[in-house]
Amino acid sequence: MRFVERSPISGEASSISILDRLQGIWRFGYSWDQDVQSQHTLVEKLGAVLDNSYTLVSNVTIPGVSLPVPLVLIGPSGVHTLYTSAVKGIFRLKGENWYKLDEKNESYKASRPNLARRTLLMSRAVIEYLKEKGYYLEENETVLFFAHPATYIDASDPPLRLLQADGVEAYAMDLADGGIALDAREIQHVAELLAQSRVSRPKRDEDLRSLKPPAETIGFGEFQLKVWQWILLFVLTVLMLITVIVTAVIIVSAF
């Protein structure tokens, strides 16, 4: 399997530095770093099974979508969007509604982000983007991958494939039985289109707006931050002021 790795921060293939990790957590939330590690788990497992007729592109930036698509697999069977997550716990999926078990109350509660809906919207955005480029493809099976072995999902007739670490080999084998949707030239061209795509301003569309990080933002005009980002900014500002005051006192005392 060919693998085109793109950094979710810079958009180019490169290793992620500590500064990049902090920037990614700031932009995409606390779980971002762990989710990136889950990508590596899936890439390794798929690479051990699929041949070079398949190309996997990571962190695809679709114009109008605020979050990078973790993985897009292009091969003879078509184009497949794969969302990877490091969440753990017990979840329930009903249609596109996503719930997590509250173990204290022994009841399911709506969970954010809605990973199922997010994955489906990303898949549709990829297909729409390719249509704009002249490739009219049907939306293939969308995959939501869970890297943590302690994750369990209760789902009946889910709208997407729920894949766990021990099921990757079976998934890869199913791809070989999926028929021929793209030839070698088309696979190469589609992979290049996705690898070269760049971010643009989000479209004013409800579905695409829902792909933004789930936490509410507060701000003025274009300057919008999440609540925890405002708190962190406030703390850093206070610390900076304290440092300036203490420094000034020391300088004055010296004279």
C-alpha atoms as a PDB file:
ATOM      1  CA  MET A   1       0.000   0.000   0.000  1.00  0.00           C
ATOM      2  CA  ARG A   2       1.265   3.444  -0.905  1.00  0.00           C
ATOM      3  CA  PHE A   3       0.991   5.986   1.899  1.00  0.00           C
ATOM      4  CA  VAL A   4       0.957   9.759   1.450  1.00  0.00           C
ATOM      5  CA  GLU A   5       1.477  11.330   4.852  1.00  0.00           C
ATOM      6  CA  ARG A   6       0.494  14.939   5.434  1.00  0.00           C
ATOM      7  CA  SER A   7       0.888  16.831   8.675  1.00  0.00           C
ATOM      8  CA  PRO A   8      -2.492  17.988  10.072  1.00  0.00           C
ATOM      9  CA  ILE A   9      -0.787  21.263  11.008  1.00  0.00           C
ATOM     10  CA  SER A  10       1.359  22.280   8.043  1.00  0.00           C
ATOM     11  CA  GLY A  11      -0.420  20.186   5.421  1.00  0.00           C
ATOM     12  CA  GLU A  12       2.837  18.683   4.208  1.00  0.00           C
ATOM     13  CA  ALA A  13       4.515  15.358   4.926  1.00  0.00           C
ATOM     14  CA  SER A  14       6.669  15.864   7.987  1.00  0.00           C
ATOM     15  CA  SER A  15       7.206  14.676  11.513  1.00  0.00           C
ATOM     16  CA  ILE A  16       5.150  16.435  14.177  1.00  0.00           C
ATOM     17  CA  SER A  17       7.217  18.466  16.637  1.00  0.00           C
ATOM     18  CA  ILE A  18       6.235  19.292  20.211  1.00  0.00           C
ATOM     19  CA  LEU A  19       5.184  22.768  19.054  1.00  0.00           C
ATOM     20  CA  ASP A  20       3.045  21.210  16.312  1.00  0.00           C
ATOM     21  CA  ARG A  21       1.370  18.930  18.874  1.00  0.00           C
ATOM     22  CA  LEU A  22       0.519  21.897  21.086  1.00  0.00           C
ATOM     23  CA  GLN A  23      -0.835  23.759  18.078  1.00  0.00           C
ATOM     24  CA  GLY A  24      -2.933  20.734  17.078  1.00  0.00           C
ATOM     25  CA  ILE A  25      -4.389  20.370  20.576  1.00  0.00           C
ATOM     26  CA  TRP A  26      -5.160  24.103  20.621  1.00  0.00           C
ATOM     27  CA  ARG A  27      -6.972  23.954  17.268  1.00  0.00           C
ATOM     28  CA  PHE A  28      -8.683  20.559  17.426  1.00  0.00           C
ATOM     29  CA  GLY A  29      -9.161  19.739  21.122  1.00  0.00           C
ATOM     30  CA  TYR A  30      -7.665  17.661  23.923  1.00  0.00           C
ATOM     31  CA  SER A  31      -8.018  14.274  22.204  1.00  0.00           C
ATOM     32  CA  TRP A  32      -6.315  15.366  18.989  1.00  0.00           C
ATOM     33  CA  ASP A  33      -2.867  13.954  19.799  1.00  0.00           C
ATOM     34  CA  GLN A  34      -4.250  10.539  20.786  1.00  0.00           C
ATOM     35  CA  ASP A  35      -6.403  10.436  17.657  1.00  0.00           C
ATOM     36  CA  VAL A  36      -3.297  11.080  15.536  1.00  0.00           C
ATOM     37  CA  GLN A  37      -1.637   8.096  17.208  1.00  0.00           C
ATOM     38  CA  SER A  38      -4.692   5.985  16.333  1.00  0.00           C
ATOM     39  CA  GLN A  39      -4.106   6.901  12.676  1.00  0.00           C
ATOM     40  CA  HIS A  40      -0.660   5.335  12.858  1.00  0.00           C
ATOM     41  CA  THR A  41      -2.170   2.141  14.273  1.00  0.00           C
ATOM     42  CA  LEU A  42      -4.621   1.819  11.380  1.00  0.00           C
ATOM     43  CA  VAL A  43      -2.001   2.716   8.753  1.00  0.00           C
ATOM     44  CA  GLU A  44       0.325  -0.030   9.976  1.00  0.00           C
ATOM     45  CA  LYS A  45      -2.426  -2.649   9.986  1.00  0.00           C
ATOM     46  CA  LEU A  46      -3.727  -1.754   6.518  1.00  0.00           C
ATOM     47  CA  GLY A  47      -0.194  -1.602   5.117  1.00  0.00           C
ATOM     48  CA  ALA A  48       0.415  -5.170   6.222  1.00  0.00           C
ATOM     49  CA  VAL A  49      -2.506  -6.428   4.096  1.00  0.00           C
ATOM     50  CA  LEU A  50      -3.133  -4.149   1.094  1.00  0.00           C
ATOM     51  CA  ASP A  51      -0.896  -4.113  -1.981  1.00  0.00           C
ATOM     52  CA  ASN A  52       0.280  -1.115  -3.993  1.00  0.00           C
ATOM     53  CA  SER A  53      -2.956  -0.927  -5.954  1.00  0.00           C
ATOM     54  CA  TYR A  54      -4.199   1.088  -2.945  1.00  0.00           C
ATOM     55  CA  THR A  55      -3.064   4.564  -1.873  1.00  0.00           C
ATOM     56  CA  LEU A  56      -3.790   5.970   1.577  1.00  0.00           C
ATOM     57  CA  VAL A  57      -3.696   9.752   2.069  1.00  0.00           C
ATOM     58  CA  SER A  58      -3.666  11.151   5.600  1.00  0.00           C
ATOM     59  CA  ASN A  59      -5.055  14.443   6.925  1.00  0.00           C
ATOM     60  CA  VAL A  60      -6.866  15.485   3.768  1.00  0.00           C
ATOM     61  CA  THR A  61      -7.961  19.129   3.836  1.00  0.00           C
ATOM     62  CA  ILE A  62     -11.256  19.633   2.017  1.00  0.00           C
ATOM     63  CA  PRO A  63     -12.125  23.246   1.118  1.00  0.00           C
ATOM     64  CA  GLY A  64     -14.957  24.425   3.347  1.00  0.00           C
ATOM     65  CA  VAL A  65     -14.401  21.763   6.024  1.00  0.00           C
ATOM     66  CA  SER A  66     -12.743  22.920   9.234  1.00  0.00           C
ATOM     67  CA  LEU A  67     -11.277  19.573  10.316  1.00  0.00           C
ATOM     68  CA  PRO A  68      -8.827  17.493   8.272  1.00  0.00           C
ATOM     69  CA  VAL A  69     -10.132  14.106   7.159  1.00  0.00           C
ATOM     70  CA  PRO A  70      -7.836  11.644   9.003  1.00  0.00           C
ATOM     71  CA  LEU A  71      -7.489   9.056   6.212  1.00  0.00           C
ATOM     72  CA  VAL A  72      -8.811   8.526   2.695  1.00  0.00           C
ATOM     73  CA  LEU A  73      -8.144   5.175   1.027  1.00  0.00           C
ATOM     74  CA  ILE A  74      -8.186   5.094  -2.788  1.00  0.00           C
ATOM     75  CA  GLY A  75      -8.087   1.813  -4.658  1.00  0.00           C
ATOM     76  CA  PRO A  76      -9.837  -0.412  -7.223  1.00  0.00           C
ATOM     77  CA  SER A  77     -12.873  -0.611  -4.906  1.00  0.00           C
ATOM     78  CA  GLY A  78     -13.269   3.174  -4.913  1.00  0.00           C
ATOM     79  CA  VAL A  79     -12.754   5.968  -2.398  1.00  0.00           C
ATOM     80  CA  HIS A  80     -13.164   5.208   1.310  1.00  0.00           C
ATOM     81  CA  THR A  81     -13.168   7.763   4.121  1.00  0.00           C
ATOM     82  CA  LEU A  82     -11.756   6.521   7.431  1.00  0.00           C
ATOM     83  CA  TYR A  83     -12.070   8.434  10.694  1.00  0.00           C
ATOM     84  CA  THR A  84      -9.814   7.274  13.524  1.00  0.00           C
ATOM     85  CA  SER A  85     -10.458   7.732  17.218  1.00  0.00           C
ATOM     86  CA  ALA A  86      -8.712   6.864  20.475  1.00  0.00           C
ATOM     87  CA  VAL A  87     -11.855   7.140  22.632  1.00  0.00           C
ATOM     88  CA  LYS A  88     -12.558   4.404  25.141  1.00  0.00           C
ATOM     89  CA  GLY A  89     -15.744   3.398  26.874  1.00  0.00           C
ATOM     90  CA  ILE A  90     -19.141   1.959  25.991  1.00  0.00           C
ATOM     91  CA  PHE A  91     -21.118   3.734  23.277  1.00  0.00           C
ATOM     92  CA  ARG A  92     -24.437   3.275  21.508  1.00  0.00           C
ATOM     93  CA  LEU A  93     -25.257   4.245  17.926  1.00  0.00           C
ATOM     94  CA  LYS A  94     -28.890   4.679  16.793  1.00  0.00           C
ATOM     95  CA  GLY A  95     -29.109   5.936  13.245  1.00  0.00           C
ATOM     96  CA  GLU A  96     -26.683   8.859  13.317  1.00  0.00           C
ATOM     97  CA  ASN A  97     -27.229   9.555  17.025  1.00  0.00           C
ATOM     98  CA  TRP A  98     -24.213   8.898  19.235  1.00  0.00           C
ATOM     99  CA  TYR A  99     -24.431   8.094  22.962  1.00  0.00           C
ATOM    100  CA  LYS A 100     -21.985   7.178  25.723  1.00  0.00           C
ATOM    101  CA  LEU A 101     -22.761   5.061  28.778  1.00  0.00           C
ATOM    102  CA  ASP A 102     -22.689   6.993  32.032  1.00  0.00           C
ATOM    103  CA  GLU A 103     -21.474   4.216  34.304  1.00  0.00           C
ATOM    104  CA  LYS A 104     -22.511   6.026  37.506  1.00  0.00           C
ATOM    105  CA  ASN A 105     -26.130   6.404  36.429  1.00  0.00           C
ATOM    106  CA  GLU A 106     -26.074   3.295  34.233  1.00  0.00           C
ATOM    107  CA  SER A 107     -27.718   5.196  31.390  1.00  0.00           C
ATOM    108  CA  TYR A 108     -26.731   6.425  27.940  1.00  0.00           C
ATOM    109  CA  LYS A 109     -26.331  10.139  27.295  1.00  0.00           C
ATOM    110  CA  ALA A 110     -25.759  12.030  24.065  1.00  0.00           C
ATOM    111  CA  SER A 111     -22.011  12.323  23.503  1.00  0.00           C
ATOM    112  CA  ARG A 112     -20.045  15.023  21.741  1.00  0.00           C
ATOM    113  CA  PRO A 113     -18.445  15.039  19.340  1.00  0.00           C
ATOM    114  CA  ASN A 114     -20.850  12.810  17.435  1.00  0.00           C
ATOM    115  CA  LEU A 115     -18.181  10.639  15.814  1.00  0.00           C
ATOM    116  CA  ALA A 116     -20.597   8.776  13.551  1.00  0.00           C
ATOM    117  CA  ARG A 117     -22.165  11.905  12.091  1.00  0.00           C
ATOM    118  CA  ARG A 118     -18.785  13.606  11.775  1.00  0.00           C
ATOM    119  CA  THR A 119     -17.382  10.644   9.817  1.00  0.00           C
ATOM    120  CA  LEU A 120     -20.384  10.481   7.481  1.00  0.00           C
ATOM    121  CA  LEU A 121     -20.235  14.224   6.800  1.00  0.00           C
ATOM    122  CA  MET A 122     -16.527  13.998   6.035  1.00  0.00           C
ATOM    123  CA  SER A 123     -17.173  11.163   3.598  1.00  0.00           C
ATOM    124  CA  ARG A 124     -19.843  13.164   1.792  1.00  0.00           C
ATOM    125  CA  ALA A 125     -17.578  16.213   1.690  1.00  0.00           C
ATOM    126  CA  VAL A 126     -14.807  14.136   0.054  1.00  0.00           C
ATOM    127  CA  ILE A 127     -17.223  12.815  -2.581  1.00  0.00           C
ATOM    128  CA  GLU A 128     -18.583  16.311  -3.293  1.00  0.00           C
ATOM    129  CA  TYR A 129     -15.059  17.678  -3.611  1.00  0.00           C
ATOM    130  CA  LEU A 130     -14.166  14.988  -6.153  1.00  0.00           C
ATOM    131  CA  LYS A 131     -17.365  15.742  -8.098  1.00  0.00           C
ATOM    132  CA  GLU A 132     -16.178  19.340  -8.427  1.00  0.00           C
ATOM    133  CA  LYS A 133     -12.972  17.907  -9.913  1.00  0.00           C
ATOM    134  CA  GLY A 134     -14.837  15.745 -12.433  1.00  0.00           C
ATOM    135  CA  TYR A 135     -15.046  12.403 -10.585  1.00  0.00           C
ATOM    136  CA  TYR A 136     -18.658  11.353 -10.041  1.00  0.00           C
ATOM    137  CA  LEU A 137     -18.327   8.546  -7.529  1.00  0.00           C
ATOM    138  CA  GLU A 138     -20.842   6.961  -5.219  1.00  0.00           C
ATOM    139  CA  GLU A 139     -20.264   7.275  -1.475  1.00  0.00           C
ATOM    140  CA  ASN A 140     -18.530   4.020  -0.536  1.00  0.00           C
ATOM    141  CA  GLU A 141     -18.601   2.334   2.844  1.00  0.00           C
ATOM    142  CA  THR A 142     -17.455   4.851   5.440  1.00  0.00           C
ATOM    143  CA  VAL A 143     -15.323   3.601   8.333  1.00  0.00           C
ATOM    144  CA  LEU A 144     -15.081   4.748  11.945  1.00  0.00           C
ATOM    145  CA  PHE A 145     -12.012   3.097  13.492  1.00  0.00           C
ATOM    146  CA  PHE A 146     -11.440   2.634  17.233  1.00  0.00           C
ATOM    147  CA  ALA A 147      -7.841   2.000  18.251  1.00  0.00           C
ATOM    148  CA  HIS A 148      -8.491   1.344  21.937  1.00  0.00           C
ATOM    149  CA  PRO A 149      -9.317  -2.323  22.662  1.00  0.00           C
ATOM    150  CA  ALA A 150     -11.526  -1.337  25.617  1.00  0.00           C
ATOM    151  CA  THR A 151     -14.035   0.437  23.368  1.00  0.00           C
ATOM    152  CA  TYR A 152     -17.420  -1.232  22.810  1.00  0.00           C
ATOM    153  CA  ILE A 153     -20.210   0.005  20.521  1.00  0.00           C
ATOM    154  CA  ASP A 154     -23.801  -1.165  20.726  1.00  0.00           C
ATOM    155  CA  ALA A 155     -25.245  -0.666  17.243  1.00  0.00           C
ATOM    156  CA  SER A 156     -27.915  -2.261  15.089  1.00  0.00           C
ATOM    157  CA  ASP A 157     -27.720  -1.682  11.315  1.00  0.00           C
ATOM    158  CA  PRO A 158     -25.253   1.239  11.626  1.00  0.00           C
ATOM    159  CA  PRO A 159     -24.985   3.723   8.708  1.00  0.00           C
ATOM    160  CA  LEU A 160     -21.215   3.227   8.591  1.00  0.00           C
ATOM    161  CA  ARG A 161     -18.694   0.509   9.375  1.00  0.00           C
ATOM    162  CA  LEU A 162     -17.539   0.406  12.989  1.00  0.00           C
ATOM    163  CA  LEU A 163     -14.044  -1.035  12.885  1.00  0.00           C
ATOM    164  CA  GLN A 164     -11.869  -2.137  15.783  1.00  0.00           C
ATOM    165  CA  ALA A 165      -8.207  -3.088  15.802  1.00  0.00           C
ATOM    166  CA  ASP A 166      -8.827  -6.824  15.535  1.00  0.00           C
ATOM    167  CA  GLY A 167     -11.100  -6.381  12.506  1.00  0.00           C
ATOM    168  CA  VAL A 168      -8.758  -4.515  10.151  1.00  0.00           C
ATOM    169  CA  GLU A 169      -7.584  -7.626   8.297  1.00  0.00           C
ATOM    170  CA  ALA A 170     -11.181  -8.703   7.578  1.00  0.00           C
ATOM    171  CA  TYR A 171     -11.994  -5.182   6.378  1.00  0.00           C
ATOM    172  CA  ALA A 172      -9.019  -5.178   4.012  1.00  0.00           C
ATOM    173  CA  MET A 173     -10.077  -8.546   2.605  1.00  0.00           C
ATOM    174  CA  ASP A 174     -13.612  -7.233   2.024  1.00  0.00           C
ATOM    175  CA  LEU A 175     -12.157  -4.426  -0.088  1.00  0.00           C
ATOM    176  CA  ALA A 176     -10.757  -6.997  -2.515  1.00  0.00           C
ATOM    177  CA  ASP A 177     -14.300  -8.338  -3.039  1.00  0.00           C
ATOM    178  CA  GLY A 178     -15.781  -4.893  -3.598  1.00  0.00           C
ATOM    179  CA  GLY A 179     -15.566  -4.892  -7.391  1.00  0.00           C
ATOM    180  CA  ILE A 180     -13.697  -2.468  -9.661  1.00  0.00           C
ATOM    181  CA  ALA A 181     -14.687   1.196  -9.454  1.00  0.00           C
ATOM    182  CA  LEU A 182     -11.388   2.867 -10.402  1.00  0.00           C
ATOM    183  CA  ASP A 183      -8.528   1.879 -12.681  1.00  0.00           C
ATOM    184  CA  ALA A 184      -4.842   2.506 -11.926  1.00  0.00           C
ATOM    185  CA  ARG A 185      -4.752   5.877 -13.704  1.00  0.00           C
ATOM    186  CA  GLU A 186      -7.855   7.121 -11.879  1.00  0.00           C
ATOM    187  CA  ILE A 187      -6.514   5.936  -8.522  1.00  0.00           C
ATOM    188  CA  GLN A 188      -3.324   7.907  -9.047  1.00  0.00           C
ATOM    189  CA  HIS A 189      -5.158  11.041 -10.157  1.00  0.00           C
ATOM    190  CA  VAL A 190      -7.677  10.978  -7.289  1.00  0.00           C
ATOM    191  CA  ALA A 191      -4.876  10.402  -4.773  1.00  0.00           C
ATOM    192  CA  GLU A 192      -2.995  13.405  -6.177  1.00  0.00           C
ATOM    193  CA  LEU A 193      -6.121  15.598  -5.992  1.00  0.00           C
ATOM    194  CA  LEU A 194      -6.659  14.741  -2.341  1.00  0.00           C
ATOM    195  CA  ALA A 195      -2.974  15.051  -1.426  1.00  0.00           C
ATOM    196  CA  GLN A 196      -2.771  18.504  -3.010  1.00  0.00           C
ATOM    197  CA  SER A 197      -6.045  19.916  -1.664  1.00  0.00           C
ATOM    198  CA  ARG A 198      -5.813  22.984   0.553  1.00  0.00           C
ATOM    199  CA  VAL A 199      -8.005  24.640   3.172  1.00  0.00           C
ATOM    200  CA  SER A 200     -10.275  27.510   2.220  1.00  0.00           C
ATOM    201  CA  ARG A 201     -12.824  29.504   4.191  1.00  0.00           C
ATOM    202  CA  PRO A 202     -15.723  27.346   5.451  1.00  0.00           C
ATOM    203  CA  LYS A 203     -18.881  27.340   3.344  1.00  0.00           C
ATOM    204  CA  ARG A 204     -22.017  28.733   4.914  1.00  0.00           C
ATOM    205  CA  ASP A 205     -23.661  25.359   5.120  1.00  0.00           C
ATOM    206  CA  GLU A 206     -25.110  23.765   8.259  1.00  0.00           C
ATOM    207  CA  ASP A 207     -23.667  20.306   7.621  1.00  0.00           C
ATOM    208  CA  LEU A 208     -20.173  21.600   7.011  1.00  0.00           C
ATOM    209  CA  ARG A 209     -20.335  23.953   9.992  1.00  0.00           C
ATOM    210  CA  SER A 210     -21.115  20.961  12.183  1.00  0.00           C
ATOM    211  CA  LEU A 211     -17.675  19.576  11.350  1.00  0.00           C
ATOM    212  CA  LYS A 212     -16.095  22.298  13.464  1.00  0.00           C
ATOM    213  CA  PRO A 213     -14.811  21.327  16.909  1.00  0.00           C
ATOM    214  CA  PRO A 214     -17.943  20.732  19.025  1.00  0.00           C
ATOM    215  CA  ALA A 215     -17.307  23.176  21.860  1.00  0.00           C
ATOM    216  CA  GLU A 216     -19.088  26.555  21.647  1.00  0.00           C
ATOM    217  CA  THR A 217     -16.913  29.538  20.849  1.00  0.00           C
ATOM    218  CA  ILE A 218     -17.028  33.056  22.262  1.00  0.00           C
ATOM    219  CA  GLY A 219     -15.481  36.136  20.752  1.00  0.00           C
ATOM    220  CA  PHE A 220     -15.796  39.177  18.556  1.00  0.00           C
ATOM    221  CA  GLY A 221     -16.153  38.924  14.782  1.00  0.00           C
ATOM    222  CA  GLU A 222     -13.478  36.676  13.333  1.00  0.00           C
ATOM    223  CA  PHE A 223     -11.715  36.340  16.689  1.00  0.00           C
ATOM    224  CA  GLN A 224     -13.446  33.319  18.230  1.00  0.00           C
ATOM    225  CA  LEU A 225     -12.097  31.009  20.947  1.00  0.00           C
ATOM    226  CA  LYS A 226     -13.489  28.114  22.955  1.00  0.00           C
ATOM    227  CA  VAL A 227     -14.185  28.608  26.656  1.00  0.00           C
ATOM    228  CA  TRP A 228     -11.122  26.619  27.745  1.00  0.00           C
ATOM    229  CA  GLN A 229      -8.970  28.631  25.350  1.00  0.00           C
ATOM    230  CA  TRP A 230     -10.195  31.903  26.907  1.00  0.00           C
ATOM    231  CA  ILE A 231      -9.391  30.521  30.382  1.00  0.00           C
ATOM    232  CA  LEU A 232      -5.898  29.496  29.290  1.00  0.00           C
ATOM    233  CA  LEU A 233      -5.346  32.886  27.655  1.00  0.00           C
ATOM    234  CA  PHE A 234      -6.483  34.631  30.849  1.00  0.00           C
ATOM    235  CA  VAL A 235      -4.164  32.532  33.031  1.00  0.00           C
ATOM    236  CA  LEU A 236      -1.189  33.202  30.739  1.00  0.00           C
ATOM    237  CA  THR A 237      -1.980  36.933  30.744  1.00  0.00           C
ATOM    238  CA  VAL A 238      -2.136  37.020  34.559  1.00  0.00           C
ATOM    239  CA  LEU A 239       1.163  35.141  34.815  1.00  0.00           C
ATOM    240  CA  MET A 240       2.766  37.559  32.359  1.00  0.00           C
ATOM    241  CA  LEU A 241       1.529  40.569  34.361  1.00  0.00           C
ATOM    242  CA  ILE A 242       2.816  39.055  37.603  1.00  0.00           C
ATOM    243  CA  THR A 243       6.195  38.468  35.975  1.00  0.00           C
ATOM    244  CA  VAL A 244       6.343  42.072  34.726  1.00  0.00           C
ATOM    245  CA  ILE A 245       5.362  43.474  38.149  1.00  0.00           C
ATOM    246  CA  VAL A 246       7.857  41.297  40.036  1.00  0.00           C
ATOM    247  CA  THR A 247      10.615  42.257  37.589  1.00  0.00           C
ATOM    248  CA  ALA A 248       9.784  45.941  37.986  1.00  0.00           C
ATOM    249  CA  VAL A 249       9.843  45.688  41.786  1.00  0.00           C
ATOM    250  CA  ILE A 250      13.244  43.969  41.706  1.00  0.00           C
ATOM    251  CA  ILE A 251      14.661  46.645  39.414  1.00  0.00           C
ATOM    252  CA  VAL A 252      13.282  49.493  41.575  1.00  0.00           C
ATOM    253  CA  SER A 253      14.600  47.832  44.772  1.00  0.00           C
ATOM    254  CA  ALA A 254      18.049  47.569  43.249  1.00  0.00           C
ATOM    255  CA  PHE A 255      18.196  51.337  42.989  1.00  0.00           C
END
